[in-house]
Amino acid sequence: MASKTEKVPSIELLEQELNKERHKTVFGRVLRSTVFSLVVVAAVAVIVAVLLLPVLQINGTSMEPTLQEGNVVVAVNSKKYKTGDVIAFYYNNNILIKRVIASSGEWVDIDDDGNVYVNGVKLDEPYISEKALGETNIKLPYQVPDGRCFVMGDHRATSIDSRNTAVGCISNDMVIGRLLLRVWPLSEFGSVH
């Protein structure tokens, strides 16, 4: 007849098993806490990027030489801008980037050589490399309607902007924000003028 004696685990074995269980519990808490923290940080980053500081990638050449295709820029979500500011706005389910030339009530005129005048005063535009009348089908001089702004791309020969009725003047509710920084490529990091 076989004896029914069970071997009792040693104290050391019991302590090892207890330590394993404690480690599992602590590891689980740390893992849950880390995942929760990462989710919160990601959510805050998304909210900031969408609502306060939208990050945009430049597509196209209408803002050359100021911005090149592929540049990544940060905008500040603001409806306040002035002549010379570069803004992002919605147009036909796209985001366009252009420079503010004139605001509500101001008169814009462009001569055949591409010189731009606002309220009869020629604009100093050091940000453009080549002047051009471009794709213009509006009657000049043109008065900017209330609640809108007149925008133009810096590459005047190719930009389709407020000079053309296809885009026209931009209403304030279409504006995403004013561009602040170019963050990519890193070699060109700096403010957008």
C-alpha atoms as a PDB file:
ATOM      1  CA  MET A   1       0.000   0.000   0.000  1.00  0.00           C
ATOM      2  CA  ALA A   2       1.393   3.393  -1.003  1.00  0.00           C
ATOM      3  CA  SER A   3       1.703   6.093   1.585  1.00  0.00           C
ATOM      4  CA  LYS A   4      -0.333   9.203   1.098  1.00  0.00           C
ATOM      5  CA  THR A   5       2.235  11.679   2.283  1.00  0.00           C
ATOM      6  CA  GLU A   6       2.363  14.882   0.350  1.00  0.00           C
ATOM      7  CA  LYS A   7       5.534  16.816   0.136  1.00  0.00           C
ATOM      8  CA  VAL A   8       5.140  20.241   1.769  1.00  0.00           C
ATOM      9  CA  PRO A   9       6.801  23.040  -0.238  1.00  0.00           C
ATOM     10  CA  SER A  10       9.732  24.725   1.415  1.00  0.00           C
ATOM     11  CA  ILE A  11       9.591  28.277   2.736  1.00  0.00           C
ATOM     12  CA  GLU A  12      12.001  29.394   0.015  1.00  0.00           C
ATOM     13  CA  LEU A  13       9.764  27.971  -2.728  1.00  0.00           C
ATOM     14  CA  LEU A  14       6.715  29.670  -1.241  1.00  0.00           C
ATOM     15  CA  GLU A  15       8.565  32.998  -1.042  1.00  0.00           C
ATOM     16  CA  GLN A  16       9.661  32.676  -4.692  1.00  0.00           C
ATOM     17  CA  GLU A  17       6.076  32.039  -5.801  1.00  0.00           C
ATOM     18  CA  LEU A  18       4.812  34.956  -3.692  1.00  0.00           C
ATOM     19  CA  ASN A  19       7.448  37.261  -5.207  1.00  0.00           C
ATOM     20  CA  LYS A  20       6.449  36.146  -8.741  1.00  0.00           C
ATOM     21  CA  GLU A  21       2.806  36.999  -8.030  1.00  0.00           C
ATOM     22  CA  ARG A  22       3.745  40.395  -6.551  1.00  0.00           C
ATOM     23  CA  HIS A  23       5.905  41.131  -9.597  1.00  0.00           C
ATOM     24  CA  LYS A  24       3.013  40.249 -11.945  1.00  0.00           C
ATOM     25  CA  THR A  25       0.667  42.571 -10.029  1.00  0.00           C
ATOM     26  CA  VAL A  26       3.134  45.474  -9.985  1.00  0.00           C
ATOM     27  CA  PHE A  27       4.007  44.939 -13.662  1.00  0.00           C
ATOM     28  CA  GLY A  28       0.312  44.959 -14.597  1.00  0.00           C
ATOM     29  CA  ARG A  29      -0.275  48.237 -12.729  1.00  0.00           C
ATOM     30  CA  VAL A  30       2.760  49.896 -14.317  1.00  0.00           C
ATOM     31  CA  LEU A  31       1.763  48.674 -17.788  1.00  0.00           C
ATOM     32  CA  ARG A  32      -1.828  49.962 -17.401  1.00  0.00           C
ATOM     33  CA  SER A  33      -0.569  53.288 -16.060  1.00  0.00           C
ATOM     34  CA  THR A  34       1.913  53.671 -18.934  1.00  0.00           C
ATOM     35  CA  VAL A  35      -0.682  52.835 -21.596  1.00  0.00           C
ATOM     36  CA  PHE A  36      -3.180  55.247 -20.012  1.00  0.00           C
ATOM     37  CA  SER A  37      -0.551  58.023 -19.906  1.00  0.00           C
ATOM     38  CA  LEU A  38       0.373  57.461 -23.560  1.00  0.00           C
ATOM     39  CA  VAL A  39      -3.285  57.567 -24.630  1.00  0.00           C
ATOM     40  CA  VAL A  40      -3.847  60.820 -22.713  1.00  0.00           C
ATOM     41  CA  VAL A  41      -0.702  62.418 -24.184  1.00  0.00           C
ATOM     42  CA  ALA A  42      -1.706  61.340 -27.711  1.00  0.00           C
ATOM     43  CA  ALA A  43      -5.231  62.709 -27.246  1.00  0.00           C
ATOM     44  CA  VAL A  44      -3.911  66.040 -25.975  1.00  0.00           C
ATOM     45  CA  ALA A  45      -1.440  66.214 -28.890  1.00  0.00           C
ATOM     46  CA  VAL A  46      -4.233  65.579 -31.394  1.00  0.00           C
ATOM     47  CA  ILE A  47      -6.456  68.229 -29.800  1.00  0.00           C
ATOM     48  CA  VAL A  48      -3.640  70.782 -29.810  1.00  0.00           C
ATOM     49  CA  ALA A  49      -2.681  69.929 -33.411  1.00  0.00           C
ATOM     50  CA  VAL A  50      -6.247  70.190 -34.681  1.00  0.00           C
ATOM     51  CA  LEU A  51      -7.663  73.038 -32.635  1.00  0.00           C
ATOM     52  CA  LEU A  52      -4.792  75.270 -31.585  1.00  0.00           C
ATOM     53  CA  LEU A  53      -1.713  74.644 -33.718  1.00  0.00           C
ATOM     54  CA  PRO A  54      -2.604  72.832 -36.940  1.00  0.00           C
ATOM     55  CA  VAL A  55       0.351  71.153 -38.667  1.00  0.00           C
ATOM     56  CA  LEU A  56       0.173  71.308 -42.477  1.00  0.00           C
ATOM     57  CA  GLN A  57       2.250  70.019 -45.367  1.00  0.00           C
ATOM     58  CA  ILE A  58       2.702  72.270 -48.402  1.00  0.00           C
ATOM     59  CA  ASN A  59       1.508  70.845 -51.725  1.00  0.00           C
ATOM     60  CA  GLY A  60       2.059  72.763 -54.940  1.00  0.00           C
ATOM     61  CA  THR A  61       4.222  75.683 -55.979  1.00  0.00           C
ATOM     62  CA  SER A  62       1.907  78.690 -55.567  1.00  0.00           C
ATOM     63  CA  MET A  63       3.815  79.991 -52.514  1.00  0.00           C
ATOM     64  CA  GLU A  64       7.347  79.690 -53.910  1.00  0.00           C
ATOM     65  CA  PRO A  65       9.905  80.984 -53.049  1.00  0.00           C
ATOM     66  CA  THR A  66       8.535  81.438 -49.496  1.00  0.00           C
ATOM     67  CA  LEU A  67       7.322  77.840 -49.117  1.00  0.00           C
ATOM     68  CA  GLN A  68       8.385  74.820 -51.140  1.00  0.00           C
ATOM     69  CA  GLU A  69       6.414  71.674 -51.873  1.00  0.00           C
ATOM     70  CA  GLY A  70       6.865  69.211 -49.011  1.00  0.00           C
ATOM     71  CA  ASN A  71       7.572  71.842 -46.334  1.00  0.00           C
ATOM     72  CA  VAL A  72       5.789  71.184 -43.059  1.00  0.00           C
ATOM     73  CA  VAL A  73       4.426  74.249 -41.276  1.00  0.00           C
ATOM     74  CA  VAL A  74       2.631  75.025 -38.027  1.00  0.00           C
ATOM     75  CA  ALA A  75      -0.237  77.493 -37.971  1.00  0.00           C
ATOM     76  CA  VAL A  76      -1.844  79.235 -35.036  1.00  0.00           C
ATOM     77  CA  ASN A  77      -5.622  78.932 -34.984  1.00  0.00           C
ATOM     78  CA  SER A  78      -6.553  82.587 -35.292  1.00  0.00           C
ATOM     79  CA  LYS A  79      -8.986  84.702 -37.249  1.00  0.00           C
ATOM     80  CA  LYS A  80      -6.742  87.743 -36.715  1.00  0.00           C
ATOM     81  CA  TYR A  81      -4.329  88.484 -39.520  1.00  0.00           C
ATOM     82  CA  LYS A  82      -2.993  91.476 -41.381  1.00  0.00           C
ATOM     83  CA  THR A  83      -1.639  92.345 -44.798  1.00  0.00           C
ATOM     84  CA  GLY A  84       1.464  90.266 -45.495  1.00  0.00           C
ATOM     85  CA  ASP A  85       0.506  87.352 -43.213  1.00  0.00           C
ATOM     86  CA  VAL A  86       0.481  83.870 -44.729  1.00  0.00           C
ATOM     87  CA  ILE A  87      -2.751  82.040 -43.910  1.00  0.00           C
ATOM     88  CA  ALA A  88      -4.243  78.591 -44.426  1.00  0.00           C
ATOM     89  CA  PHE A  89      -7.904  78.275 -45.392  1.00  0.00           C
ATOM     90  CA  TYR A  90     -10.424  75.731 -46.616  1.00  0.00           C
ATOM     91  CA  TYR A  91     -11.408  75.776 -50.272  1.00  0.00           C
ATOM     92  CA  ASN A  92     -13.393  72.962 -51.974  1.00  0.00           C
ATOM     93  CA  ASN A  93     -12.407  70.327 -49.391  1.00  0.00           C
ATOM     94  CA  ASN A  94      -8.754  71.331 -49.708  1.00  0.00           C
ATOM     95  CA  ILE A  95      -6.492  73.480 -47.594  1.00  0.00           C
ATOM     96  CA  LEU A  96      -4.822  76.319 -49.486  1.00  0.00           C
ATOM     97  CA  ILE A  97      -1.970  78.544 -48.328  1.00  0.00           C
ATOM     98  CA  LYS A  98      -1.847  82.160 -49.557  1.00  0.00           C
ATOM     99  CA  ARG A  99      -0.697  85.605 -48.438  1.00  0.00           C
ATOM    100  CA  VAL A 100      -3.158  88.256 -47.215  1.00  0.00           C
ATOM    101  CA  ILE A 101      -3.042  91.287 -49.506  1.00  0.00           C
ATOM    102  CA  ALA A 102      -6.049  93.317 -48.356  1.00  0.00           C
ATOM    103  CA  SER A 103      -8.928  93.211 -45.866  1.00  0.00           C
ATOM    104  CA  SER A 104     -12.616  94.153 -45.897  1.00  0.00           C
ATOM    105  CA  GLY A 105     -13.388  97.452 -47.609  1.00  0.00           C
ATOM    106  CA  GLU A 106      -9.899  97.980 -49.053  1.00  0.00           C
ATOM    107  CA  TRP A 107      -9.318  98.539 -52.766  1.00  0.00           C
ATOM    108  CA  VAL A 108      -6.900  96.283 -54.644  1.00  0.00           C
ATOM    109  CA  ASP A 109      -5.388  97.149 -58.012  1.00  0.00           C
ATOM    110  CA  ILE A 110      -2.747  95.305 -60.032  1.00  0.00           C
ATOM    111  CA  ASP A 111      -1.030  96.832 -63.061  1.00  0.00           C
ATOM    112  CA  ASP A 112       0.113  94.951 -66.182  1.00  0.00           C
ATOM    113  CA  ASP A 113       3.619  94.565 -64.715  1.00  0.00           C
ATOM    114  CA  GLY A 114       2.223  92.788 -61.633  1.00  0.00           C
ATOM    115  CA  ASN A 115       2.673  95.642 -59.161  1.00  0.00           C
ATOM    116  CA  VAL A 116       0.021  95.410 -56.429  1.00  0.00           C
ATOM    117  CA  TYR A 117      -1.634  98.484 -54.934  1.00  0.00           C
ATOM    118  CA  VAL A 118      -3.869  98.591 -51.860  1.00  0.00           C
ATOM    119  CA  ASN A 119      -5.887 101.788 -51.474  1.00  0.00           C
ATOM    120  CA  GLY A 120      -3.644 103.399 -54.104  1.00  0.00           C
ATOM    121  CA  VAL A 121      -0.373 102.578 -52.283  1.00  0.00           C
ATOM    122  CA  LYS A 122       2.062 100.189 -53.942  1.00  0.00           C
ATOM    123  CA  LEU A 123       2.868  97.196 -51.727  1.00  0.00           C
ATOM    124  CA  ASP A 124       6.486  96.467 -50.881  1.00  0.00           C
ATOM    125  CA  GLU A 125       6.692  92.719 -51.526  1.00  0.00           C
ATOM    126  CA  PRO A 126      10.211  91.414 -50.786  1.00  0.00           C
ATOM    127  CA  TYR A 127       8.827  87.863 -50.506  1.00  0.00           C
ATOM    128  CA  ILE A 128       8.129  87.476 -54.240  1.00  0.00           C
ATOM    129  CA  SER A 129      10.824  86.745 -56.802  1.00  0.00           C
ATOM    130  CA  GLU A 130       8.822  87.575 -59.922  1.00  0.00           C
ATOM    131  CA  LYS A 131       5.872  89.903 -60.471  1.00  0.00           C
ATOM    132  CA  ALA A 132       3.019  88.855 -62.764  1.00  0.00           C
ATOM    133  CA  LEU A 133      -0.609  89.763 -63.394  1.00  0.00           C
ATOM    134  CA  GLY A 134      -1.381  86.033 -63.413  1.00  0.00           C
ATOM    135  CA  GLU A 135      -4.802  84.393 -63.842  1.00  0.00           C
ATOM    136  CA  THR A 136      -6.903  87.519 -63.341  1.00  0.00           C
ATOM    137  CA  ASN A 137     -10.563  87.622 -64.362  1.00  0.00           C
ATOM    138  CA  ILE A 138     -11.890  90.193 -61.870  1.00  0.00           C
ATOM    139  CA  LYS A 139     -12.491  93.838 -62.722  1.00  0.00           C
ATOM    140  CA  LEU A 140      -9.727  95.980 -61.249  1.00  0.00           C
ATOM    141  CA  PRO A 141      -9.590  98.016 -59.096  1.00  0.00           C
ATOM    142  CA  TYR A 142     -11.502  95.649 -56.831  1.00  0.00           C
ATOM    143  CA  GLN A 143     -13.032  96.389 -53.425  1.00  0.00           C
ATOM    144  CA  VAL A 144     -12.799  93.550 -50.896  1.00  0.00           C
ATOM    145  CA  PRO A 145     -16.288  92.641 -49.595  1.00  0.00           C
ATOM    146  CA  ASP A 146     -17.155  92.817 -45.876  1.00  0.00           C
ATOM    147  CA  GLY A 147     -15.999  89.865 -43.783  1.00  0.00           C
ATOM    148  CA  ARG A 148     -13.496  88.740 -46.422  1.00  0.00           C
ATOM    149  CA  CYS A 149      -9.849  89.116 -47.330  1.00  0.00           C
ATOM    150  CA  PHE A 150      -8.026  89.256 -50.652  1.00  0.00           C
ATOM    151  CA  VAL A 151      -5.227  86.655 -50.908  1.00  0.00           C
ATOM    152  CA  MET A 152      -2.497  85.933 -53.432  1.00  0.00           C
ATOM    153  CA  GLY A 153       0.185  83.284 -53.784  1.00  0.00           C
ATOM    154  CA  ASP A 154       3.821  84.385 -53.838  1.00  0.00           C
ATOM    155  CA  HIS A 155       4.438  82.653 -57.182  1.00  0.00           C
ATOM    156  CA  ARG A 156       2.206  85.122 -58.991  1.00  0.00           C
ATOM    157  CA  ALA A 157       2.447  83.623 -62.480  1.00  0.00           C
ATOM    158  CA  THR A 158       0.989  80.242 -61.437  1.00  0.00           C
ATOM    159  CA  SER A 159      -1.094  80.922 -58.335  1.00  0.00           C
ATOM    160  CA  ILE A 160      -4.875  80.770 -58.612  1.00  0.00           C
ATOM    161  CA  ASP A 161      -6.128  83.073 -55.871  1.00  0.00           C
ATOM    162  CA  SER A 162      -8.415  86.068 -55.237  1.00  0.00           C
ATOM    163  CA  ARG A 163      -7.488  87.505 -58.637  1.00  0.00           C
ATOM    164  CA  ASN A 164      -9.669  84.775 -60.131  1.00  0.00           C
ATOM    165  CA  THR A 165     -13.366  84.239 -59.418  1.00  0.00           C
ATOM    166  CA  ALA A 166     -12.681  80.492 -59.106  1.00  0.00           C
ATOM    167  CA  VAL A 167     -11.268  81.231 -55.627  1.00  0.00           C
ATOM    168  CA  GLY A 168     -12.310  84.813 -54.957  1.00  0.00           C
ATOM    169  CA  CYS A 169     -11.978  86.532 -51.626  1.00  0.00           C
ATOM    170  CA  ILE A 170     -11.795  84.345 -48.536  1.00  0.00           C
ATOM    171  CA  SER A 171     -14.435  84.633 -45.834  1.00  0.00           C
ATOM    172  CA  ASN A 172     -13.201  84.768 -42.255  1.00  0.00           C
ATOM    173  CA  ASP A 173     -14.941  81.487 -41.351  1.00  0.00           C
ATOM    174  CA  MET A 174     -12.870  79.628 -43.991  1.00  0.00           C
ATOM    175  CA  VAL A 175      -9.558  80.610 -42.348  1.00  0.00           C
ATOM    176  CA  ILE A 176      -7.785  77.865 -40.403  1.00  0.00           C
ATOM    177  CA  GLY A 177      -5.049  80.097 -39.102  1.00  0.00           C
ATOM    178  CA  ARG A 178      -1.944  82.132 -39.668  1.00  0.00           C
ATOM    179  CA  LEU A 179       1.289  80.263 -40.454  1.00  0.00           C
ATOM    180  CA  LEU A 180       3.923  80.653 -37.757  1.00  0.00           C
ATOM    181  CA  LEU A 181       6.766  78.213 -38.282  1.00  0.00           C
ATOM    182  CA  ARG A 182       8.310  76.020 -40.914  1.00  0.00           C
ATOM    183  CA  VAL A 183       9.349  72.871 -39.035  1.00  0.00           C
ATOM    184  CA  TRP A 184      10.480  70.716 -41.970  1.00  0.00           C
ATOM    185  CA  PRO A 185      13.015  70.466 -43.441  1.00  0.00           C
ATOM    186  CA  LEU A 186      15.009  71.134 -40.289  1.00  0.00           C
ATOM    187  CA  SER A 187      17.608  73.053 -42.277  1.00  0.00           C
ATOM    188  CA  GLU A 188      14.921  75.700 -42.994  1.00  0.00           C
ATOM    189  CA  PHE A 189      13.358  75.734 -39.516  1.00  0.00           C
ATOM    190  CA  GLY A 190      12.074  79.192 -38.655  1.00  0.00           C
ATOM    191  CA  SER A 191       9.221  81.642 -38.840  1.00  0.00           C
ATOM    192  CA  VAL A 192       7.145  82.062 -42.004  1.00  0.00           C
ATOM    193  CA  HIS A 193       7.234  85.613 -43.406  1.00  0.00           C
END
